[in-house]
Amino acid sequence: MIKSMTGYGKAIAEYGDRRLSIEVKSLNSKQLDLALRLPAMFREKEAEVRNLISQKLERGKVDLIIGTELAGETAGISINHELAKLYYADLKSLQLELKEDCPEGLLPLIIKMPDVIQSAKDEFNENDWLLVRAGIEHALSLVDEFRTGEGSILYGDISKRIQLIMQYLFEVEPFEQQRMNDIREKMHRDFSTYKSDFNGSAPDQNRFEQEMIYYLERLDITEEKIRLKKHCDYFLDTMEEGLSQGKKLGFITQEIGREINTLGSKANQADIQKLVVQMKDELEKIKEQLMNIL
């Protein structure tokens, strides 16, 4: 069954006095495009996190954000006085240069600056990391479940459109039979009309029949219809196969489009052309949906 590349998952991990919020968002992309926002203490684990994501999600534009906060009444925080003073000096200089007043004072701004508020405990041991890793894996599993649900919806929509293409192909049949009969009759009428141009000599009836058969074979669309039907069946079968079929399905739609175009150009008949336009319309909608298939 196919999967979507769109997904979302959120998990909570706790160890000691810390509580971590882990969010993972996924959108469509031609390849795996990762954007990670990890607390500084987990930077050394970035390669491991990337490996977890690539194994679970395979492809897509993936954002992973880990937010951390201290739990309990004793937060164990401290203020970096030296850094706060540097921020104050820079902000005061900027205030004087711009001649702007700060009614609330500079302190509320300084407190919000990066790394001014520090935790008294930024270390973690391997057991702590195992808890965080489990939280990441849970969030990724939720994304995968989300993708499966979205994929089920896409499966229903795309299957319906492939079935419509095959229905339009079936509706071509009566127009095709009438088209060939009309062409044959027209050629006979033209042949009879221009007999007088042979200056009394009788035209070669056998040669005429041979030429007519050759011409009708060139206009025949039987092979295109057979190939189009096979491509549609193959498309449906591929959607039932294992995961990561998005690119393969894209290649099949190219073949489907090629047969539809050839059918339309060879048919050159108004009623068939209308059906061809409807096939193309459904195929374009399928291509749009495939952009989000894993």
C-alpha atoms as a PDB file:
ATOM      1  CA  MET A   1       0.000   0.000   0.000  1.00  0.00           C
ATOM      2  CA  ILE A   2       1.270   3.463  -0.860  1.00  0.00           C
ATOM      3  CA  LYS A   3       2.155   6.098   1.751  1.00  0.00           C
ATOM      4  CA  SER A   4       1.994   9.862   1.716  1.00  0.00           C
ATOM      5  CA  MET A   5       5.053  11.976   2.508  1.00  0.00           C
ATOM      6  CA  THR A   6       2.933  14.320   4.639  1.00  0.00           C
ATOM      7  CA  GLY A   7       2.932  13.515   8.343  1.00  0.00           C
ATOM      8  CA  TYR A   8       3.117  14.827  11.889  1.00  0.00           C
ATOM      9  CA  GLY A   9       4.048  13.277  15.205  1.00  0.00           C
ATOM     10  CA  LYS A  10       4.683  14.555  18.731  1.00  0.00           C
ATOM     11  CA  ALA A  11       6.079  12.722  21.761  1.00  0.00           C
ATOM     12  CA  ILE A  12       7.214  13.558  25.277  1.00  0.00           C
ATOM     13  CA  ALA A  13      10.386  12.220  26.908  1.00  0.00           C
ATOM     14  CA  GLU A  14      11.301  12.733  30.548  1.00  0.00           C
ATOM     15  CA  TYR A  15      14.430  12.006  32.546  1.00  0.00           C
ATOM     16  CA  GLY A  16      15.586  13.442  35.864  1.00  0.00           C
ATOM     17  CA  ASP A  17      14.134  16.918  36.190  1.00  0.00           C
ATOM     18  CA  ARG A  18      13.853  17.424  32.434  1.00  0.00           C
ATOM     19  CA  ARG A  19      10.846  17.222  30.160  1.00  0.00           C
ATOM     20  CA  LEU A  20      11.434  17.111  26.390  1.00  0.00           C
ATOM     21  CA  SER A  21       8.877  17.879  23.687  1.00  0.00           C
ATOM     22  CA  ILE A  22       9.727  16.120  20.403  1.00  0.00           C
ATOM     23  CA  GLU A  23       7.910  17.256  17.236  1.00  0.00           C
ATOM     24  CA  VAL A  24       8.396  15.829  13.747  1.00  0.00           C
ATOM     25  CA  LYS A  25       6.822  17.311  10.606  1.00  0.00           C
ATOM     26  CA  SER A  26       7.120  15.843   7.116  1.00  0.00           C
ATOM     27  CA  LEU A  27       6.247  17.216   3.673  1.00  0.00           C
ATOM     28  CA  ASN A  28       6.871  16.009   0.124  1.00  0.00           C
ATOM     29  CA  SER A  29      10.346  16.218  -1.404  1.00  0.00           C
ATOM     30  CA  LYS A  30      12.256  14.392  -4.137  1.00  0.00           C
ATOM     31  CA  GLN A  31      14.781  13.197  -1.565  1.00  0.00           C
ATOM     32  CA  LEU A  32      15.356  13.178   2.195  1.00  0.00           C
ATOM     33  CA  ASP A  33      15.791  16.784   3.310  1.00  0.00           C
ATOM     34  CA  LEU A  34      16.371  17.059   7.063  1.00  0.00           C
ATOM     35  CA  ALA A  35      16.217  20.109   9.316  1.00  0.00           C
ATOM     36  CA  LEU A  36      17.042  19.424  12.971  1.00  0.00           C
ATOM     37  CA  ARG A  37      16.703  21.737  15.987  1.00  0.00           C
ATOM     38  CA  LEU A  38      18.310  19.981  18.930  1.00  0.00           C
ATOM     39  CA  PRO A  39      19.299  21.294  22.367  1.00  0.00           C
ATOM     40  CA  ALA A  40      23.028  21.996  22.549  1.00  0.00           C
ATOM     41  CA  MET A  41      23.634  19.035  24.852  1.00  0.00           C
ATOM     42  CA  PHE A  42      22.346  16.606  22.182  1.00  0.00           C
ATOM     43  CA  ARG A  43      24.406  17.952  19.273  1.00  0.00           C
ATOM     44  CA  GLU A  44      26.795  15.006  19.498  1.00  0.00           C
ATOM     45  CA  LYS A  45      23.838  12.706  18.779  1.00  0.00           C
ATOM     46  CA  GLU A  46      22.831  14.490  15.572  1.00  0.00           C
ATOM     47  CA  ALA A  47      24.235  11.778  13.281  1.00  0.00           C
ATOM     48  CA  GLU A  48      22.322   9.116  15.192  1.00  0.00           C
ATOM     49  CA  VAL A  49      19.099  11.118  14.955  1.00  0.00           C
ATOM     50  CA  ARG A  50      19.564  11.574  11.212  1.00  0.00           C
ATOM     51  CA  ASN A  51      20.065   7.842  10.834  1.00  0.00           C
ATOM     52  CA  LEU A  52      16.859   7.124  12.771  1.00  0.00           C
ATOM     53  CA  ILE A  53      14.878   9.468  10.512  1.00  0.00           C
ATOM     54  CA  SER A  54      16.309   8.078   7.268  1.00  0.00           C
ATOM     55  CA  GLN A  55      15.518   4.508   8.319  1.00  0.00           C
ATOM     56  CA  LYS A  56      11.945   5.266   9.344  1.00  0.00           C
ATOM     57  CA  LEU A  57      10.788   7.957   6.898  1.00  0.00           C
ATOM     58  CA  GLU A  58      13.073   7.341   3.872  1.00  0.00           C
ATOM     59  CA  ARG A  59      12.110  10.432   1.879  1.00  0.00           C
ATOM     60  CA  GLY A  60      10.534  13.855   2.347  1.00  0.00           C
ATOM     61  CA  LYS A  61      11.247  17.279   3.824  1.00  0.00           C
ATOM     62  CA  VAL A  62      11.474  16.484   7.521  1.00  0.00           C
ATOM     63  CA  ASP A  63      11.701  18.948  10.431  1.00  0.00           C
ATOM     64  CA  LEU A  64      12.529  17.596  13.892  1.00  0.00           C
ATOM     65  CA  ILE A  65      12.369  19.965  16.855  1.00  0.00           C
ATOM     66  CA  ILE A  66      13.261  19.034  20.436  1.00  0.00           C
ATOM     67  CA  GLY A  67      12.255  21.554  23.082  1.00  0.00           C
ATOM     68  CA  THR A  68      13.432  21.130  26.650  1.00  0.00           C
ATOM     69  CA  GLU A  69      12.265  22.502  29.974  1.00  0.00           C
ATOM     70  CA  LEU A  70      13.012  21.835  33.619  1.00  0.00           C
ATOM     71  CA  ALA A  71      10.302  20.202  35.660  1.00  0.00           C
ATOM     72  CA  GLY A  72       9.495  20.682  39.332  1.00  0.00           C
ATOM     73  CA  GLU A  73       9.860  23.633  41.665  1.00  0.00           C
ATOM     74  CA  THR A  74      13.656  23.434  41.897  1.00  0.00           C
ATOM     75  CA  ALA A  75      14.558  24.241  38.353  1.00  0.00           C
ATOM     76  CA  GLY A  76      18.251  24.552  39.088  1.00  0.00           C
ATOM     77  CA  ILE A  77      18.838  27.501  36.767  1.00  0.00           C
ATOM     78  CA  SER A  78      21.451  30.232  36.837  1.00  0.00           C
ATOM     79  CA  ILE A  79      22.048  33.554  35.092  1.00  0.00           C
ATOM     80  CA  ASN A  80      25.171  34.110  33.048  1.00  0.00           C
ATOM     81  CA  HIS A  81      26.098  37.493  34.524  1.00  0.00           C
ATOM     82  CA  GLU A  82      29.020  38.184  32.209  1.00  0.00           C
ATOM     83  CA  LEU A  83      26.986  37.470  29.080  1.00  0.00           C
ATOM     84  CA  ALA A  84      24.075  39.525  30.422  1.00  0.00           C
ATOM     85  CA  LYS A  85      26.422  42.509  30.935  1.00  0.00           C
ATOM     86  CA  LEU A  86      27.691  42.225  27.356  1.00  0.00           C
ATOM     87  CA  TYR A  87      24.139  42.173  26.037  1.00  0.00           C
ATOM     88  CA  TYR A  88      23.323  45.208  28.215  1.00  0.00           C
ATOM     89  CA  ALA A  89      26.303  47.187  26.903  1.00  0.00           C
ATOM     90  CA  ASP A  90      25.382  46.421  23.271  1.00  0.00           C
ATOM     91  CA  LEU A  91      21.693  47.204  23.748  1.00  0.00           C
ATOM     92  CA  LYS A  92      22.478  50.428  25.650  1.00  0.00           C
ATOM     93  CA  SER A  93      24.802  51.534  22.870  1.00  0.00           C
ATOM     94  CA  LEU A  94      22.159  50.798  20.270  1.00  0.00           C
ATOM     95  CA  GLN A  95      19.531  52.674  22.306  1.00  0.00           C
ATOM     96  CA  LEU A  96      21.700  55.796  22.486  1.00  0.00           C
ATOM     97  CA  GLU A  97      22.564  55.593  18.796  1.00  0.00           C
ATOM     98  CA  LEU A  98      18.920  55.306  17.769  1.00  0.00           C
ATOM     99  CA  LYS A  99      17.770  57.760  20.450  1.00  0.00           C
ATOM    100  CA  GLU A 100      14.963  55.421  21.376  1.00  0.00           C
ATOM    101  CA  ASP A 101      13.555  54.997  24.873  1.00  0.00           C
ATOM    102  CA  CYS A 102      12.740  51.587  26.337  1.00  0.00           C
ATOM    103  CA  PRO A 103       9.878  52.189  28.817  1.00  0.00           C
ATOM    104  CA  GLU A 104      10.149  48.737  30.358  1.00  0.00           C
ATOM    105  CA  GLY A 105      13.947  48.894  30.666  1.00  0.00           C
ATOM    106  CA  LEU A 106      16.489  46.624  29.042  1.00  0.00           C
ATOM    107  CA  LEU A 107      16.433  43.820  31.607  1.00  0.00           C
ATOM    108  CA  PRO A 108      13.348  42.000  30.221  1.00  0.00           C
ATOM    109  CA  LEU A 109      15.039  41.954  26.811  1.00  0.00           C
ATOM    110  CA  ILE A 110      18.356  40.722  28.191  1.00  0.00           C
ATOM    111  CA  ILE A 111      16.726  37.828  30.044  1.00  0.00           C
ATOM    112  CA  LYS A 112      15.276  36.591  26.723  1.00  0.00           C
ATOM    113  CA  MET A 113      18.607  36.664  24.900  1.00  0.00           C
ATOM    114  CA  PRO A 114      20.239  33.306  24.038  1.00  0.00           C
ATOM    115  CA  ASP A 115      22.179  31.517  26.807  1.00  0.00           C
ATOM    116  CA  VAL A 116      21.538  34.182  29.451  1.00  0.00           C
ATOM    117  CA  ILE A 117      19.381  31.739  31.415  1.00  0.00           C
ATOM    118  CA  GLN A 118      21.337  28.520  31.891  1.00  0.00           C
ATOM    119  CA  SER A 119      20.544  25.219  33.470  1.00  0.00           C
ATOM    120  CA  ALA A 120      22.688  24.137  36.328  1.00  0.00           C
ATOM    121  CA  LYS A 121      22.674  20.655  34.812  1.00  0.00           C
ATOM    122  CA  ASP A 122      23.159  20.277  31.063  1.00  0.00           C
ATOM    123  CA  GLU A 123      24.808  16.878  31.201  1.00  0.00           C
ATOM    124  CA  PHE A 124      23.128  13.586  30.397  1.00  0.00           C
ATOM    125  CA  ASN A 125      24.223   9.991  30.576  1.00  0.00           C
ATOM    126  CA  GLU A 126      23.609   7.122  28.173  1.00  0.00           C
ATOM    127  CA  ASN A 127      20.518   5.936  30.055  1.00  0.00           C
ATOM    128  CA  ASP A 128      19.048   9.443  29.732  1.00  0.00           C
ATOM    129  CA  TRP A 129      19.750   9.371  25.986  1.00  0.00           C
ATOM    130  CA  LEU A 130      18.002   6.010  25.611  1.00  0.00           C
ATOM    131  CA  LEU A 131      14.836   7.635  26.989  1.00  0.00           C
ATOM    132  CA  VAL A 132      15.188  10.556  24.575  1.00  0.00           C
ATOM    133  CA  ARG A 133      15.867   8.180  21.673  1.00  0.00           C
ATOM    134  CA  ALA A 134      12.741   6.199  22.545  1.00  0.00           C
ATOM    135  CA  GLY A 135      10.756   9.452  22.432  1.00  0.00           C
ATOM    136  CA  ILE A 136      12.178  10.287  19.002  1.00  0.00           C
ATOM    137  CA  GLU A 137      11.321   6.805  17.726  1.00  0.00           C
ATOM    138  CA  HIS A 138       7.764   7.169  19.061  1.00  0.00           C
ATOM    139  CA  ALA A 139       7.328  10.528  17.298  1.00  0.00           C
ATOM    140  CA  LEU A 140       8.647   9.011  14.066  1.00  0.00           C
ATOM    141  CA  SER A 141       6.216   6.092  14.419  1.00  0.00           C
ATOM    142  CA  LEU A 142       3.341   8.570  14.758  1.00  0.00           C
ATOM    143  CA  VAL A 143       4.517  10.315  11.580  1.00  0.00           C
ATOM    144  CA  ASP A 144       4.606   6.950   9.824  1.00  0.00           C
ATOM    145  CA  GLU A 145       1.041   6.183  10.984  1.00  0.00           C
ATOM    146  CA  PHE A 146      -0.072   9.592   9.751  1.00  0.00           C
ATOM    147  CA  ARG A 147       1.561   8.914   6.380  1.00  0.00           C
ATOM    148  CA  THR A 148      -0.181   5.545   6.135  1.00  0.00           C
ATOM    149  CA  GLY A 149      -3.564   7.147   6.753  1.00  0.00           C
ATOM    150  CA  GLU A 150      -2.920   9.864   4.176  1.00  0.00           C
ATOM    151  CA  GLY A 151      -1.668   7.197   1.754  1.00  0.00           C
ATOM    152  CA  SER A 152      -4.932   5.287   2.107  1.00  0.00           C
ATOM    153  CA  ILE A 153      -6.875   8.394   1.080  1.00  0.00           C
ATOM    154  CA  LEU A 154      -4.564   9.004  -1.887  1.00  0.00           C
ATOM    155  CA  TYR A 155      -4.862   5.344  -2.884  1.00  0.00           C
ATOM    156  CA  GLY A 156      -8.639   5.625  -3.151  1.00  0.00           C
ATOM    157  CA  ASP A 157      -8.498   8.838  -5.170  1.00  0.00           C
ATOM    158  CA  ILE A 158      -5.785   7.707  -7.588  1.00  0.00           C
ATOM    159  CA  SER A 159      -7.385   4.269  -8.102  1.00  0.00           C
ATOM    160  CA  LYS A 160     -10.656   5.953  -8.989  1.00  0.00           C
ATOM    161  CA  ARG A 161      -8.944   8.123 -11.602  1.00  0.00           C
ATOM    162  CA  ILE A 162      -7.127   5.162 -13.185  1.00  0.00           C
ATOM    163  CA  GLN A 163     -10.462   3.351 -13.404  1.00  0.00           C
ATOM    164  CA  LEU A 164     -11.953   6.421 -15.102  1.00  0.00           C
ATOM    165  CA  ILE A 165      -9.169   6.378 -17.709  1.00  0.00           C
ATOM    166  CA  MET A 166      -9.947   2.718 -18.429  1.00  0.00           C
ATOM    167  CA  GLN A 167     -13.667   3.527 -18.618  1.00  0.00           C
ATOM    168  CA  TYR A 168     -13.007   6.270 -21.178  1.00  0.00           C
ATOM    169  CA  LEU A 169     -10.830   3.801 -23.091  1.00  0.00           C
ATOM    170  CA  PHE A 170     -13.734   1.340 -23.180  1.00  0.00           C
ATOM    171  CA  GLU A 171     -16.012   4.092 -24.494  1.00  0.00           C
ATOM    172  CA  VAL A 172     -13.625   4.644 -27.430  1.00  0.00           C
ATOM    173  CA  GLU A 173     -14.532   1.229 -28.909  1.00  0.00           C
ATOM    174  CA  PRO A 174     -17.847   2.040 -30.667  1.00  0.00           C
ATOM    175  CA  PHE A 175     -16.436   5.296 -32.095  1.00  0.00           C
ATOM    176  CA  GLU A 176     -13.368   3.421 -33.320  1.00  0.00           C
ATOM    177  CA  GLN A 177     -15.445   0.867 -35.242  1.00  0.00           C
ATOM    178  CA  GLN A 178     -17.555   3.586 -36.845  1.00  0.00           C
ATOM    179  CA  ARG A 179     -14.428   5.628 -37.630  1.00  0.00           C
ATOM    180  CA  MET A 180     -12.786   2.788 -39.552  1.00  0.00           C
ATOM    181  CA  ASN A 181     -16.007   2.092 -41.478  1.00  0.00           C
ATOM    182  CA  ASP A 182     -16.289   5.791 -42.399  1.00  0.00           C
ATOM    183  CA  ILE A 183     -12.676   5.902 -43.617  1.00  0.00           C
ATOM    184  CA  ARG A 184     -13.138   2.744 -45.703  1.00  0.00           C
ATOM    185  CA  GLU A 185     -16.336   4.072 -47.306  1.00  0.00           C
ATOM    186  CA  LYS A 186     -14.728   7.429 -48.054  1.00  0.00           C
ATOM    187  CA  MET A 187     -11.764   5.764 -49.760  1.00  0.00           C
ATOM    188  CA  HIS A 188     -14.120   3.689 -51.937  1.00  0.00           C
ATOM    189  CA  ARG A 189     -16.130   6.780 -52.880  1.00  0.00           C
ATOM    190  CA  ASP A 190     -12.972   8.695 -53.760  1.00  0.00           C
ATOM    191  CA  PHE A 191     -11.682   5.774 -55.782  1.00  0.00           C
ATOM    192  CA  SER A 192     -14.917   5.609 -57.757  1.00  0.00           C
ATOM    193  CA  THR A 193     -14.959   9.371 -58.279  1.00  0.00           C
ATOM    194  CA  TYR A 194     -11.443   9.556 -59.708  1.00  0.00           C
ATOM    195  CA  LYS A 195     -11.672   6.483 -61.948  1.00  0.00           C
ATOM    196  CA  SER A 196     -12.277   8.773 -64.920  1.00  0.00           C
ATOM    197  CA  ASP A 197      -8.845  10.344 -64.437  1.00  0.00           C
ATOM    198  CA  PHE A 198      -7.107   7.187 -65.629  1.00  0.00           C
ATOM    199  CA  ASN A 199      -7.664   8.113 -69.358  1.00  0.00           C
ATOM    200  CA  GLY A 200      -9.662   5.014 -70.171  1.00  0.00           C
ATOM    201  CA  SER A 201      -7.287   2.540 -68.587  1.00  0.00           C
ATOM    202  CA  ALA A 202      -8.750   0.438 -65.802  1.00  0.00           C
ATOM    203  CA  PRO A 203      -7.177   1.085 -62.354  1.00  0.00           C
ATOM    204  CA  ASP A 204      -5.609  -1.828 -60.541  1.00  0.00           C
ATOM    205  CA  GLN A 205      -8.228  -2.945 -58.018  1.00  0.00           C
ATOM    206  CA  ASN A 206      -5.797  -5.225 -56.160  1.00  0.00           C
ATOM    207  CA  ARG A 207      -3.270  -2.430 -55.757  1.00  0.00           C
ATOM    208  CA  PHE A 208      -6.010  -0.185 -54.440  1.00  0.00           C
ATOM    209  CA  GLU A 209      -7.005  -2.786 -51.849  1.00  0.00           C
ATOM    210  CA  GLN A 210      -3.386  -3.179 -50.762  1.00  0.00           C
ATOM    211  CA  GLU A 211      -2.929   0.551 -50.368  1.00  0.00           C
ATOM    212  CA  MET A 212      -6.191   0.863 -48.448  1.00  0.00           C
ATOM    213  CA  ILE A 213      -5.191  -1.914 -46.035  1.00  0.00           C
ATOM    214  CA  TYR A 214      -1.799  -0.266 -45.472  1.00  0.00           C
ATOM    215  CA  TYR A 215      -3.448   3.094 -44.800  1.00  0.00           C
ATOM    216  CA  LEU A 216      -6.032   1.632 -42.416  1.00  0.00           C
ATOM    217  CA  GLU A 217      -3.323  -0.250 -40.497  1.00  0.00           C
ATOM    218  CA  ARG A 218      -1.449   3.009 -39.951  1.00  0.00           C
ATOM    219  CA  LEU A 219      -4.601   4.592 -38.528  1.00  0.00           C
ATOM    220  CA  ASP A 220      -5.522   1.600 -36.387  1.00  0.00           C
ATOM    221  CA  ILE A 221      -5.277   2.292 -32.623  1.00  0.00           C
ATOM    222  CA  THR A 222      -5.744  -1.267 -31.376  1.00  0.00           C
ATOM    223  CA  GLU A 223      -2.139  -1.585 -30.154  1.00  0.00           C
ATOM    224  CA  GLU A 224      -2.321   1.753 -28.335  1.00  0.00           C
ATOM    225  CA  LYS A 225      -5.506   0.681 -26.571  1.00  0.00           C
ATOM    226  CA  ILE A 226      -3.980  -2.647 -25.516  1.00  0.00           C
ATOM    227  CA  ARG A 227      -0.813  -1.009 -24.202  1.00  0.00           C
ATOM    228  CA  LEU A 228      -2.776   1.694 -22.368  1.00  0.00           C
ATOM    229  CA  LYS A 229      -4.914  -0.942 -20.656  1.00  0.00           C
ATOM    230  CA  LYS A 230      -1.792  -2.891 -19.628  1.00  0.00           C
ATOM    231  CA  HIS A 231      -0.098   0.243 -18.249  1.00  0.00           C
ATOM    232  CA  CYS A 232      -3.204   1.056 -16.171  1.00  0.00           C
ATOM    233  CA  ASP A 233      -3.345  -2.484 -14.800  1.00  0.00           C
ATOM    234  CA  TYR A 234       0.374  -2.335 -14.002  1.00  0.00           C
ATOM    235  CA  PHE A 235      -0.155   0.983 -12.207  1.00  0.00           C
ATOM    236  CA  LEU A 236      -2.850  -0.527  -9.979  1.00  0.00           C
ATOM    237  CA  ASP A 237      -0.714  -3.598  -9.259  1.00  0.00           C
ATOM    238  CA  THR A 238       2.264  -1.420  -8.336  1.00  0.00           C
ATOM    239  CA  MET A 239       0.215   0.505  -5.782  1.00  0.00           C
ATOM    240  CA  GLU A 240      -0.415  -2.822  -4.025  1.00  0.00           C
ATOM    241  CA  GLU A 241       3.298  -3.621  -3.795  1.00  0.00           C
ATOM    242  CA  GLY A 242       5.756  -2.625  -1.063  1.00  0.00           C
ATOM    243  CA  LEU A 243       6.469   0.910   0.055  1.00  0.00           C
ATOM    244  CA  SER A 244       8.372   3.696  -1.721  1.00  0.00           C
ATOM    245  CA  GLN A 245       6.586   3.224  -5.047  1.00  0.00           C
ATOM    246  CA  GLY A 246       6.131   6.938  -5.795  1.00  0.00           C
ATOM    247  CA  LYS A 247       8.957   7.232  -8.324  1.00  0.00           C
ATOM    248  CA  LYS A 248       8.017   3.983 -10.061  1.00  0.00           C
ATOM    249  CA  LEU A 249       4.397   5.104 -10.351  1.00  0.00           C
ATOM    250  CA  GLY A 250       5.670   8.349 -11.873  1.00  0.00           C
ATOM    251  CA  PHE A 251       7.463   6.405 -14.609  1.00  0.00           C
ATOM    252  CA  ILE A 252       4.303   4.395 -15.347  1.00  0.00           C
ATOM    253  CA  THR A 253       2.247   7.574 -15.707  1.00  0.00           C
ATOM    254  CA  GLN A 254       4.732   8.738 -18.359  1.00  0.00           C
ATOM    255  CA  GLU A 255       4.001   5.578 -20.360  1.00  0.00           C
ATOM    256  CA  ILE A 256       0.257   6.041 -19.859  1.00  0.00           C
ATOM    257  CA  GLY A 257       0.511   9.614 -21.105  1.00  0.00           C
ATOM    258  CA  ARG A 258       2.515   8.526 -24.164  1.00  0.00           C
ATOM    259  CA  GLU A 259      -0.165   6.022 -25.210  1.00  0.00           C
ATOM    260  CA  ILE A 260      -2.989   8.515 -24.636  1.00  0.00           C
ATOM    261  CA  ASN A 261      -1.216  11.108 -26.799  1.00  0.00           C
ATOM    262  CA  THR A 262      -0.578   8.597 -29.597  1.00  0.00           C
ATOM    263  CA  LEU A 263      -4.165   7.401 -29.464  1.00  0.00           C
ATOM    264  CA  GLY A 264      -5.434  10.952 -29.812  1.00  0.00           C
ATOM    265  CA  SER A 265      -3.127  11.894 -32.688  1.00  0.00           C
ATOM    266  CA  LYS A 266      -3.866   8.716 -34.687  1.00  0.00           C
ATOM    267  CA  ALA A 267      -7.615   8.720 -34.096  1.00  0.00           C
ATOM    268  CA  ASN A 268      -8.272  12.257 -35.368  1.00  0.00           C
ATOM    269  CA  GLN A 269     -11.974  11.883 -34.670  1.00  0.00           C
ATOM    270  CA  ALA A 270     -14.041  14.348 -32.642  1.00  0.00           C
ATOM    271  CA  ASP A 271     -15.769  11.908 -30.269  1.00  0.00           C
ATOM    272  CA  ILE A 272     -12.549  10.027 -29.552  1.00  0.00           C
ATOM    273  CA  GLN A 273     -10.680  13.302 -29.051  1.00  0.00           C
ATOM    274  CA  LYS A 274     -13.172  14.292 -26.356  1.00  0.00           C
ATOM    275  CA  LEU A 275     -12.491  11.037 -24.508  1.00  0.00           C
ATOM    276  CA  VAL A 276      -8.737  11.574 -24.916  1.00  0.00           C
ATOM    277  CA  VAL A 277      -9.028  15.031 -23.330  1.00  0.00           C
ATOM    278  CA  GLN A 278     -10.872  13.502 -20.364  1.00  0.00           C
ATOM    279  CA  MET A 279      -8.146  10.859 -20.009  1.00  0.00           C
ATOM    280  CA  LYS A 280      -5.467  13.559 -20.006  1.00  0.00           C
ATOM    281  CA  ASP A 281      -7.357  15.534 -17.377  1.00  0.00           C
ATOM    282  CA  GLU A 282      -7.498  12.526 -15.036  1.00  0.00           C
ATOM    283  CA  LEU A 283      -3.837  11.735 -15.691  1.00  0.00           C
ATOM    284  CA  GLU A 284      -2.744  15.262 -14.751  1.00  0.00           C
ATOM    285  CA  LYS A 285      -4.647  14.976 -11.465  1.00  0.00           C
ATOM    286  CA  ILE A 286      -2.897  11.672 -10.801  1.00  0.00           C
ATOM    287  CA  LYS A 287       0.497  13.268 -11.443  1.00  0.00           C
ATOM    288  CA  GLU A 288      -0.274  16.006  -8.921  1.00  0.00           C
ATOM    289  CA  GLN A 289      -1.178  13.418  -6.293  1.00  0.00           C
ATOM    290  CA  LEU A 290       1.944  11.342  -7.017  1.00  0.00           C
ATOM    291  CA  MET A 291       4.149  14.271  -6.012  1.00  0.00           C
ATOM    292  CA  ASN A 292       3.171  13.468  -2.404  1.00  0.00           C
ATOM    293  CA  ILE A 293       3.595   9.683  -2.621  1.00  0.00           C
ATOM    294  CA  LEU A 294       6.558   8.110  -0.838  1.00  0.00           C
END
